[in-house]
Amino acid sequence: MEKGAPVRANAVKKPHTLSLENRQRAALTGVSEVLAFDENQVVLMTEGGELALAGEGLHVTKLMLEEGHMAVEGKIDSVVYTQRGGRRGWLRRAKA
């Protein structure tokens, strides 16, 4: 998988949950698409809306889109649900 390339799951809806452990590990369900990721941010679409995780040394340790599961590890500084103003709206706002 190429970094930053959108990854989509089939249209199976799963309940959305977010569990954050010691600001170092996030476990998510209800993930339908990974919009972008690098070591400082992970942007994804969930059943609860677009979600951005920001921090340092972030890496995706588990990604099972068919089941809607994802895990991210690293130093997590923020978790933000955003309004979707078009494709990758959060990234456009962040770079502006």
PDB file of N, CA and C in Angstrom:
ATOM      1  N   MET A   1       0.843  -1.170   0.000  1.00  0.00           N
ATOM      2  CA  MET A   1       0.000   0.000   0.000  1.00  0.00           C
ATOM      3  C   MET A   1       0.890   1.235   0.000  1.00  0.00           C
ATOM      4  N   GLU A   2       0.609   2.193  -0.856  1.00  0.00           N
ATOM      5  CA  GLU A   2       1.377   3.415  -0.957  1.00  0.00           C
ATOM      6  C   GLU A   2       0.949   4.378   0.138  1.00  0.00           C
ATOM      7  N   LYS A   3       1.905   4.991   0.819  1.00  0.00           N
ATOM      8  CA  LYS A   3       1.580   5.954   1.875  1.00  0.00           C
ATOM      9  C   LYS A   3       0.779   7.087   1.287  1.00  0.00           C
ATOM     10  N   GLY A   4      -0.249   7.503   2.017  1.00  0.00           N
ATOM     11  CA  GLY A   4      -1.055   8.628   1.612  1.00  0.00           C
ATOM     12  C   GLY A   4      -2.151   8.301   0.614  1.00  0.00           C
ATOM     13  N   ALA A   5      -2.153   7.120   0.036  1.00  0.00           N
ATOM     14  CA  ALA A   5      -3.175   6.758  -0.934  1.00  0.00           C
ATOM     15  C   ALA A   5      -4.442   6.323  -0.208  1.00  0.00           C
ATOM     16  N   PRO A   6      -5.635   6.792  -0.650  1.00  0.00           N
ATOM     17  CA  PRO A   6      -6.871   6.377   0.009  1.00  0.00           C
ATOM     18  C   PRO A   6      -7.071   4.868  -0.055  1.00  0.00           C
ATOM     19  N   VAL A   7      -7.541   4.324   1.028  1.00  0.00           N
ATOM     20  CA  VAL A   7      -7.843   2.900   1.112  1.00  0.00           C
ATOM     21  C   VAL A   7      -9.292   2.791   1.557  1.00  0.00           C
ATOM     22  N   ARG A   8     -10.113   2.081   0.795  1.00  0.00           N
ATOM     23  CA  ARG A   8     -11.540   2.000   1.101  1.00  0.00           C
ATOM     24  C   ARG A   8     -11.951   0.575   1.411  1.00  0.00           C
ATOM     25  N   ALA A   9     -12.974   0.486   2.263  1.00  0.00           N
ATOM     26  CA  ALA A   9     -13.556  -0.813   2.576  1.00  0.00           C
ATOM     27  C   ALA A   9     -14.848  -0.965   1.784  1.00  0.00           C
ATOM     28  N   ASN A  10     -15.363  -2.182   1.752  1.00  0.00           N
ATOM     29  CA  ASN A  10     -16.674  -2.404   1.175  1.00  0.00           C
ATOM     30  C   ASN A  10     -17.700  -1.659   2.013  1.00  0.00           C
ATOM     31  N   ALA A  11     -18.874  -1.427   1.500  1.00  0.00           N
ATOM     32  CA  ALA A  11     -19.884  -0.608   2.162  1.00  0.00           C
ATOM     33  C   ALA A  11     -20.585  -1.333   3.315  1.00  0.00           C
ATOM     34  N   VAL A  12     -19.811  -1.962   4.194  1.00  0.00           N
ATOM     35  CA  VAL A  12     -20.373  -2.631   5.357  1.00  0.00           C
ATOM     36  C   VAL A  12     -20.284  -1.678   6.536  1.00  0.00           C
ATOM     37  N   LYS A  13     -21.427  -1.335   7.135  1.00  0.00           N
ATOM     38  CA  LYS A  13     -21.436  -0.406   8.257  1.00  0.00           C
ATOM     39  C   LYS A  13     -21.210  -1.149   9.562  1.00  0.00           C
ATOM     40  N   LYS A  14     -20.270  -0.634  10.346  1.00  0.00           N
ATOM     41  CA  LYS A  14     -19.950  -1.193  11.649  1.00  0.00           C
ATOM     42  C   LYS A  14     -20.065  -0.079  12.679  1.00  0.00           C
ATOM     43  N   PRO A  15     -20.415  -0.401  13.919  1.00  0.00           N
ATOM     44  CA  PRO A  15     -20.452   0.632  14.956  1.00  0.00           C
ATOM     45  C   PRO A  15     -19.074   1.268  15.121  1.00  0.00           C
ATOM     46  N   HIS A  16     -19.052   2.572  15.394  1.00  0.00           N
ATOM     47  CA  HIS A  16     -17.784   3.280  15.559  1.00  0.00           C
ATOM     48  C   HIS A  16     -17.420   3.386  17.030  1.00  0.00           C
ATOM     49  N   THR A  17     -16.204   2.959  17.367  1.00  0.00           N
ATOM     50  CA  THR A  17     -15.662   3.148  18.710  1.00  0.00           C
ATOM     51  C   THR A  17     -14.228   3.636  18.573  1.00  0.00           C
ATOM     52  N   LEU A  18     -13.788   4.362  19.600  1.00  0.00           N
ATOM     53  CA  LEU A  18     -12.415   4.829  19.676  1.00  0.00           C
ATOM     54  C   LEU A  18     -11.938   4.606  21.096  1.00  0.00           C
ATOM     55  N   SER A  19     -10.856   3.873  21.241  1.00  0.00           N
ATOM     56  CA  SER A  19     -10.254   3.624  22.542  1.00  0.00           C
ATOM     57  C   SER A  19      -8.832   4.147  22.491  1.00  0.00           C
ATOM     58  N   LEU A  20      -8.487   5.040  23.432  1.00  0.00           N
ATOM     59  CA  LEU A  20      -7.157   5.629  23.473  1.00  0.00           C
ATOM     60  C   LEU A  20      -6.483   5.216  24.772  1.00  0.00           C
ATOM     61  N   GLU A  21      -5.320   4.568  24.666  1.00  0.00           N
ATOM     62  CA  GLU A  21      -4.600   4.062  25.829  1.00  0.00           C
ATOM     63  C   GLU A  21      -3.308   4.853  26.027  1.00  0.00           C
ATOM     64  N   ASN A  22      -3.239   5.601  27.135  1.00  0.00           N
ATOM     65  CA  ASN A  22      -2.039   6.364  27.512  1.00  0.00           C
ATOM     66  C   ASN A  22      -1.504   7.273  26.403  1.00  0.00           C
ATOM     67  N   ARG A  23      -2.368   7.753  25.542  1.00  0.00           N
ATOM     68  CA  ARG A  23      -1.984   8.620  24.420  1.00  0.00           C
ATOM     69  C   ARG A  23      -0.923   7.983  23.530  1.00  0.00           C
ATOM     70  N   GLN A  24      -0.820   6.646  23.573  1.00  0.00           N
ATOM     71  CA  GLN A  24       0.185   5.955  22.774  1.00  0.00           C
ATOM     72  C   GLN A  24      -0.403   4.916  21.831  1.00  0.00           C
ATOM     73  N   ARG A  25      -1.651   4.513  22.054  1.00  0.00           N
ATOM     74  CA  ARG A  25      -2.272   3.500  21.203  1.00  0.00           C
ATOM     75  C   ARG A  25      -3.750   3.825  21.051  1.00  0.00           C
ATOM     76  N   ALA A  26      -4.197   3.886  19.811  1.00  0.00           N
ATOM     77  CA  ALA A  26      -5.609   4.092  19.516  1.00  0.00           C
ATOM     78  C   ALA A  26      -6.133   2.858  18.802  1.00  0.00           C
ATOM     79  N   ALA A  27      -7.238   2.321  19.298  1.00  0.00           N
ATOM     80  CA  ALA A  27      -7.920   1.199  18.650  1.00  0.00           C
ATOM     81  C   ALA A  27      -9.274   1.714  18.181  1.00  0.00           C
ATOM     82  N   LEU A  28      -9.585   1.494  16.911  1.00  0.00           N
ATOM     83  CA  LEU A  28     -10.811   2.020  16.327  1.00  0.00           C
ATOM     84  C   LEU A  28     -11.614   0.928  15.649  1.00  0.00           C
ATOM     85  N   THR A  29     -12.921   1.091  15.676  1.00  0.00           N
ATOM     86  CA  THR A  29     -13.829   0.274  14.878  1.00  0.00           C
ATOM     87  C   THR A  29     -14.715   1.223  14.079  1.00  0.00           C
ATOM     88  N   GLY A  30     -15.393   0.692  13.092  1.00  0.00           N
ATOM     89  CA  GLY A  30     -16.249   1.519  12.255  1.00  0.00           C
ATOM     90  C   GLY A  30     -15.468   2.342  11.245  1.00  0.00           C
ATOM     91  N   VAL A  31     -14.247   1.917  10.933  1.00  0.00           N
ATOM     92  CA  VAL A  31     -13.404   2.618   9.960  1.00  0.00           C
ATOM     93  C   VAL A  31     -13.784   2.141   8.562  1.00  0.00           C
ATOM     94  N   SER A  32     -14.111   3.095   7.685  1.00  0.00           N
ATOM     95  CA  SER A  32     -14.511   2.719   6.334  1.00  0.00           C
ATOM     96  C   SER A  32     -13.483   3.095   5.273  1.00  0.00           C
ATOM     97  N   GLU A  33     -12.596   4.046   5.590  1.00  0.00           N
ATOM     98  CA  GLU A  33     -11.626   4.492   4.590  1.00  0.00           C
ATOM     99  C   GLU A  33     -10.471   5.198   5.289  1.00  0.00           C
ATOM    100  N   VAL A  34      -9.266   4.955   4.834  1.00  0.00           N
ATOM    101  CA  VAL A  34      -8.097   5.709   5.288  1.00  0.00           C
ATOM    102  C   VAL A  34      -7.822   6.746   4.206  1.00  0.00           C
ATOM    103  N   LEU A  35      -7.939   8.030   4.562  1.00  0.00           N
ATOM    104  CA  LEU A  35      -7.774   9.098   3.576  1.00  0.00           C
ATOM    105  C   LEU A  35      -6.310   9.463   3.371  1.00  0.00           C
ATOM    106  N   ALA A  36      -5.532   9.486   4.458  1.00  0.00           N
ATOM    107  CA  ALA A  36      -4.112   9.827   4.361  1.00  0.00           C
ATOM    108  C   ALA A  36      -3.433   9.464   5.668  1.00  0.00           C
ATOM    109  N   PHE A  37      -2.128   9.210   5.582  1.00  0.00           N
ATOM    110  CA  PHE A  37      -1.375   8.978   6.808  1.00  0.00           C
ATOM    111  C   PHE A  37       0.108   9.221   6.579  1.00  0.00           C
ATOM    112  N   ASP A  38       0.761   9.680   7.630  1.00  0.00           N
ATOM    113  CA  ASP A  38       2.213   9.758   7.684  1.00  0.00           C
ATOM    114  C   ASP A  38       2.592   9.720   9.156  1.00  0.00           C
ATOM    115  N   GLU A  39       3.830   9.991   9.501  1.00  0.00           N
ATOM    116  CA  GLU A  39       4.255   9.844  10.896  1.00  0.00           C
ATOM    117  C   GLU A  39       3.683  10.911  11.826  1.00  0.00           C
ATOM    118  N   ASN A  40       3.057  11.966  11.262  1.00  0.00           N
ATOM    119  CA  ASN A  40       2.490  13.038  12.078  1.00  0.00           C
ATOM    120  C   ASN A  40       0.972  13.092  12.101  1.00  0.00           C
ATOM    121  N   GLN A  41       0.322  12.354  11.203  1.00  0.00           N
ATOM    122  CA  GLN A  41      -1.138  12.391  11.175  1.00  0.00           C
ATOM    123  C   GLN A  41      -1.718  11.162  10.488  1.00  0.00           C
ATOM    124  N   VAL A  42      -2.911  10.802  10.926  1.00  0.00           N
ATOM    125  CA  VAL A  42      -3.685   9.741  10.282  1.00  0.00           C
ATOM    126  C   VAL A  42      -5.084  10.311  10.114  1.00  0.00           C
ATOM    127  N   VAL A  43      -5.568  10.356   8.886  1.00  0.00           N
ATOM    128  CA  VAL A  43      -6.897  10.889   8.599  1.00  0.00           C
ATOM    129  C   VAL A  43      -7.728   9.769   8.012  1.00  0.00           C
ATOM    130  N   LEU A  44      -8.891   9.521   8.614  1.00  0.00           N
ATOM    131  CA  LEU A  44      -9.722   8.419   8.166  1.00  0.00           C
ATOM    132  C   LEU A  44     -11.198   8.761   8.257  1.00  0.00           C
ATOM    133  N   MET A  45     -11.991   7.991   7.548  1.00  0.00           N
ATOM    134  CA  MET A  45     -13.441   8.142   7.590  1.00  0.00           C
ATOM    135  C   MET A  45     -13.989   7.014   8.439  1.00  0.00           C
ATOM    136  N   THR A  46     -14.862   7.381   9.386  1.00  0.00           N
ATOM    137  CA  THR A  46     -15.506   6.396  10.240  1.00  0.00           C
ATOM    138  C   THR A  46     -17.013   6.549  10.118  1.00  0.00           C
ATOM    139  N   GLU A  47     -17.729   5.632  10.714  1.00  0.00           N
ATOM    140  CA  GLU A  47     -19.186   5.751  10.738  1.00  0.00           C
ATOM    141  C   GLU A  47     -19.620   6.962  11.558  1.00  0.00           C
ATOM    142  N   GLY A  48     -18.707   7.509  12.378  1.00  0.00           N
ATOM    143  CA  GLY A  48     -18.984   8.711  13.173  1.00  0.00           C
ATOM    144  C   GLY A  48     -18.522   9.985  12.507  1.00  0.00           C
ATOM    145  N   GLY A  49     -17.965   9.903  11.296  1.00  0.00           N
ATOM    146  CA  GLY A  49     -17.484  11.075  10.571  1.00  0.00           C
ATOM    147  C   GLY A  49     -15.995  10.986  10.315  1.00  0.00           C
ATOM    148  N   GLU A  50     -15.460  12.030   9.673  1.00  0.00           N
ATOM    149  CA  GLU A  50     -14.035  12.085   9.386  1.00  0.00           C
ATOM    150  C   GLU A  50     -13.278  12.317  10.684  1.00  0.00           C
ATOM    151  N   LEU A  51     -12.184  11.594  10.869  1.00  0.00           N
ATOM    152  CA  LEU A  51     -11.419  11.637  12.108  1.00  0.00           C
ATOM    153  C   LEU A  51      -9.953  11.853  11.780  1.00  0.00           C
ATOM    154  N   ALA A  52      -9.314  12.782  12.512  1.00  0.00           N
ATOM    155  CA  ALA A  52      -7.889  13.051  12.333  1.00  0.00           C
ATOM    156  C   ALA A  52      -7.165  12.805  13.651  1.00  0.00           C
ATOM    157  N   LEU A  53      -6.153  11.951  13.617  1.00  0.00           N
ATOM    158  CA  LEU A  53      -5.261  11.735  14.746  1.00  0.00           C
ATOM    159  C   LEU A  53      -3.958  12.443  14.405  1.00  0.00           C
ATOM    160  N   ALA A  54      -3.426  13.239  15.338  1.00  0.00           N
ATOM    161  CA  ALA A  54      -2.175  13.943  15.093  1.00  0.00           C
ATOM    162  C   ALA A  54      -1.208  13.655  16.224  1.00  0.00           C
ATOM    163  N   GLY A  55       0.074  13.655  15.896  1.00  0.00           N
ATOM    164  CA  GLY A  55       1.083  13.401  16.904  1.00  0.00           C
ATOM    165  C   GLY A  55       2.444  13.216  16.282  1.00  0.00           C
ATOM    166  N   GLU A  56       3.260  12.361  16.893  1.00  0.00           N
ATOM    167  CA  GLU A  56       4.613  12.107  16.417  1.00  0.00           C
ATOM    168  C   GLU A  56       4.867  10.604  16.376  1.00  0.00           C
ATOM    169  N   GLY A  57       5.597  10.176  15.376  1.00  0.00           N
ATOM    170  CA  GLY A  57       5.953   8.771  15.257  1.00  0.00           C
ATOM    171  C   GLY A  57       4.764   7.847  15.116  1.00  0.00           C
ATOM    172  N   LEU A  58       3.698   8.319  14.474  1.00  0.00           N
ATOM    173  CA  LEU A  58       2.486   7.509  14.314  1.00  0.00           C
ATOM    174  C   LEU A  58       2.704   6.434  13.253  1.00  0.00           C
ATOM    175  N   HIS A  59       2.221   5.250  13.537  1.00  0.00           N
ATOM    176  CA  HIS A  59       2.226   4.193  12.532  1.00  0.00           C
ATOM    177  C   HIS A  59       1.001   3.299  12.736  1.00  0.00           C
ATOM    178  N   VAL A  60       0.485   2.841  11.618  1.00  0.00           N
ATOM    179  CA  VAL A  60      -0.686   1.964  11.622  1.00  0.00           C
ATOM    180  C   VAL A  60      -0.181   0.554  11.898  1.00  0.00           C
ATOM    181  N   THR A  61      -0.628  -0.027  13.008  1.00  0.00           N
ATOM    182  CA  THR A  61      -0.179  -1.369  13.372  1.00  0.00           C
ATOM    183  C   THR A  61      -1.181  -2.440  12.989  1.00  0.00           C
ATOM    184  N   LYS A  62      -2.425  -2.031  12.736  1.00  0.00           N
ATOM    185  CA  LYS A  62      -3.463  -2.979  12.332  1.00  0.00           C
ATOM    186  C   LYS A  62      -4.437  -2.250  11.411  1.00  0.00           C
ATOM    187  N   LEU A  63      -4.750  -2.869  10.291  1.00  0.00           N
ATOM    188  CA  LEU A  63      -5.728  -2.298   9.377  1.00  0.00           C
ATOM    189  C   LEU A  63      -6.501  -3.432   8.739  1.00  0.00           C
ATOM    190  N   MET A  64      -7.758  -3.560   9.112  1.00  0.00           N
ATOM    191  CA  MET A  64      -8.654  -4.579   8.569  1.00  0.00           C
ATOM    192  C   MET A  64      -9.943  -3.874   8.156  1.00  0.00           C
ATOM    193  N   LEU A  65      -9.915  -3.247   6.983  1.00  0.00           N
ATOM    194  CA  LEU A  65     -11.054  -2.449   6.545  1.00  0.00           C
ATOM    195  C   LEU A  65     -12.310  -3.278   6.327  1.00  0.00           C
ATOM    196  N   GLU A  66     -12.151  -4.534   5.929  1.00  0.00           N
ATOM    197  CA  GLU A  66     -13.338  -5.363   5.726  1.00  0.00           C
ATOM    198  C   GLU A  66     -14.137  -5.483   7.021  1.00  0.00           C
ATOM    199  N   GLU A  67     -13.429  -5.515   8.157  1.00  0.00           N
ATOM    200  CA  GLU A  67     -14.089  -5.584   9.463  1.00  0.00           C
ATOM    201  C   GLU A  67     -14.244  -4.205  10.089  1.00  0.00           C
ATOM    202  N   GLY A  68     -13.607  -3.182   9.512  1.00  0.00           N
ATOM    203  CA  GLY A  68     -13.701  -1.825  10.038  1.00  0.00           C
ATOM    204  C   GLY A  68     -12.777  -1.569  11.218  1.00  0.00           C
ATOM    205  N   HIS A  69     -11.710  -2.369  11.379  1.00  0.00           N
ATOM    206  CA  HIS A  69     -10.804  -2.238  12.524  1.00  0.00           C
ATOM    207  C   HIS A  69      -9.500  -1.571  12.117  1.00  0.00           C
ATOM    208  N   MET A  70      -8.959  -0.771  13.056  1.00  0.00           N
ATOM    209  CA  MET A  70      -7.677  -0.122  12.826  1.00  0.00           C
ATOM    210  C   MET A  70      -7.016   0.144  14.166  1.00  0.00           C
ATOM    211  N   ALA A  71      -5.685   0.063  14.210  1.00  0.00           N
ATOM    212  CA  ALA A  71      -4.920   0.421  15.405  1.00  0.00           C
ATOM    213  C   ALA A  71      -3.767   1.317  14.980  1.00  0.00           C
ATOM    214  N   VAL A  72      -3.514   2.350  15.779  1.00  0.00           N
ATOM    215  CA  VAL A  72      -2.443   3.299  15.517  1.00  0.00           C
ATOM    216  C   VAL A  72      -1.617   3.430  16.788  1.00  0.00           C
ATOM    217  N   GLU A  73      -0.294   3.431  16.637  1.00  0.00           N
ATOM    218  CA  GLU A  73       0.596   3.607  17.782  1.00  0.00           C
ATOM    219  C   GLU A  73       1.533   4.773  17.526  1.00  0.00           C
ATOM    220  N   GLY A  74       2.003   5.384  18.593  1.00  0.00           N
ATOM    221  CA  GLY A  74       2.907   6.528  18.533  1.00  0.00           C
ATOM    222  C   GLY A  74       2.495   7.512  19.611  1.00  0.00           C
ATOM    223  N   LYS A  75       3.040   8.711  19.573  1.00  0.00           N
ATOM    224  CA  LYS A  75       2.660   9.761  20.525  1.00  0.00           C
ATOM    225  C   LYS A  75       1.457  10.506  19.944  1.00  0.00           C
ATOM    226  N   ILE A  76       0.288  10.294  20.519  1.00  0.00           N
ATOM    227  CA  ILE A  76      -0.952  10.888  20.005  1.00  0.00           C
ATOM    228  C   ILE A  76      -1.231  12.173  20.771  1.00  0.00           C
ATOM    229  N   ASP A  77      -1.189  13.305  20.065  1.00  0.00           N
ATOM    230  CA  ASP A  77      -1.400  14.611  20.675  1.00  0.00           C
ATOM    231  C   ASP A  77      -2.836  15.098  20.560  1.00  0.00           C
ATOM    232  N   SER A  78      -3.539  14.696  19.496  1.00  0.00           N
ATOM    233  CA  SER A  78      -4.917  15.161  19.340  1.00  0.00           C
ATOM    234  C   SER A  78      -5.751  14.166  18.547  1.00  0.00           C
ATOM    235  N   VAL A  79      -7.038  14.199  18.847  1.00  0.00           N
ATOM    236  CA  VAL A  79      -8.039  13.400  18.148  1.00  0.00           C
ATOM    237  C   VAL A  79      -9.161  14.370  17.814  1.00  0.00           C
ATOM    238  N   VAL A  80      -9.409  14.582  16.514  1.00  0.00           N
ATOM    239  CA  VAL A  80     -10.382  15.590  16.098  1.00  0.00           C
ATOM    240  C   VAL A  80     -11.325  15.017  15.052  1.00  0.00           C
ATOM    241  N   TYR A  81     -12.631  15.146  15.311  1.00  0.00           N
ATOM    242  CA  TYR A  81     -13.634  14.844  14.289  1.00  0.00           C
ATOM    243  C   TYR A  81     -13.859  16.125  13.515  1.00  0.00           C
ATOM    244  N   THR A  82     -13.861  16.018  12.190  1.00  0.00           N
ATOM    245  CA  THR A  82     -13.968  17.214  11.363  1.00  0.00           C
ATOM    246  C   THR A  82     -15.214  17.171  10.494  1.00  0.00           C
ATOM    247  N   GLN A  83     -15.635  18.353  10.048  1.00  0.00           N
ATOM    248  CA  GLN A  83     -16.693  18.449   9.053  1.00  0.00           C
ATOM    249  C   GLN A  83     -16.061  18.131   7.723  1.00  0.00           C
ATOM    250  N   ARG A  84     -16.757  17.410   6.921  1.00  0.00           N
ATOM    251  CA  ARG A  84     -16.199  17.040   5.625  1.00  0.00           C
ATOM    252  C   ARG A  84     -16.610  18.064   4.580  1.00  0.00           C
ATOM    253  N   GLY A  85     -15.683  18.922   4.149  1.00  0.00           N
ATOM    254  CA  GLY A  85     -15.962  19.957   3.167  1.00  0.00           C
ATOM    255  C   GLY A  85     -15.484  19.565   1.788  1.00  0.00           C
ATOM    256  N   GLY A  86     -15.495  18.309   1.485  1.00  0.00           N
ATOM    257  CA  GLY A  86     -14.980  17.812   0.218  1.00  0.00           C
ATOM    258  C   GLY A  86     -13.879  16.815   0.513  1.00  0.00           C
ATOM    259  N   ARG A  87     -13.412  16.171  -0.469  1.00  0.00           N
ATOM    260  CA  ARG A  87     -12.399  15.137  -0.290  1.00  0.00           C
ATOM    261  C   ARG A  87     -11.151  15.717   0.361  1.00  0.00           C
ATOM    262  N   ARG A  88     -10.705  15.085   1.439  1.00  0.00           N
ATOM    263  CA  ARG A  88      -9.519  15.484   2.181  1.00  0.00           C
ATOM    264  C   ARG A  88      -9.581  16.929   2.631  1.00  0.00           C
ATOM    265  N   GLY A  89     -10.759  17.382   3.029  1.00  0.00           N
ATOM    266  CA  GLY A  89     -10.942  18.756   3.486  1.00  0.00           C
ATOM    267  C   GLY A  89     -10.036  19.121   4.640  1.00  0.00           C
ATOM    268  N   TRP A  90      -9.795  18.193   5.569  1.00  0.00           N
ATOM    269  CA  TRP A  90      -8.947  18.473   6.729  1.00  0.00           C
ATOM    270  C   TRP A  90      -7.522  18.751   6.291  1.00  0.00           C
ATOM    271  N   LEU A  91      -7.029  18.001   5.325  1.00  0.00           N
ATOM    272  CA  LEU A  91      -5.661  18.204   4.868  1.00  0.00           C
ATOM    273  C   LEU A  91      -5.509  19.554   4.170  1.00  0.00           C
ATOM    274  N   ARG A  92      -6.495  19.944   3.409  1.00  0.00           N
ATOM    275  CA  ARG A  92      -6.426  21.246   2.747  1.00  0.00           C
ATOM    276  C   ARG A  92      -6.387  22.356   3.771  1.00  0.00           C
ATOM    277  N   ARG A  93      -7.219  22.278   4.811  1.00  0.00           N
ATOM    278  CA  ARG A  93      -7.234  23.304   5.851  1.00  0.00           C
ATOM    279  C   ARG A  93      -5.910  23.315   6.609  1.00  0.00           C
ATOM    280  N   ALA A  94      -5.326  22.161   6.865  1.00  0.00           N
ATOM    281  CA  ALA A  94      -4.084  22.068   7.628  1.00  0.00           C
ATOM    282  C   ALA A  94      -2.919  22.681   6.872  1.00  0.00           C
ATOM    283  N   LYS A  95      -2.919  22.584   5.550  1.00  0.00           N
ATOM    284  CA  LYS A  95      -1.816  23.096   4.751  1.00  0.00           C
ATOM    285  C   LYS A  95      -1.980  24.568   4.405  1.00  0.00           C
ATOM    286  N   ALA A  96      -3.172  25.101   4.591  1.00  0.00           N
ATOM    287  CA  ALA A  96      -3.451  26.502   4.216  1.00  0.00           C
ATOM    288  C   ALA A  96      -2.820  27.478   5.180  1.00  0.00           C
TER     289      ALA A  96
END
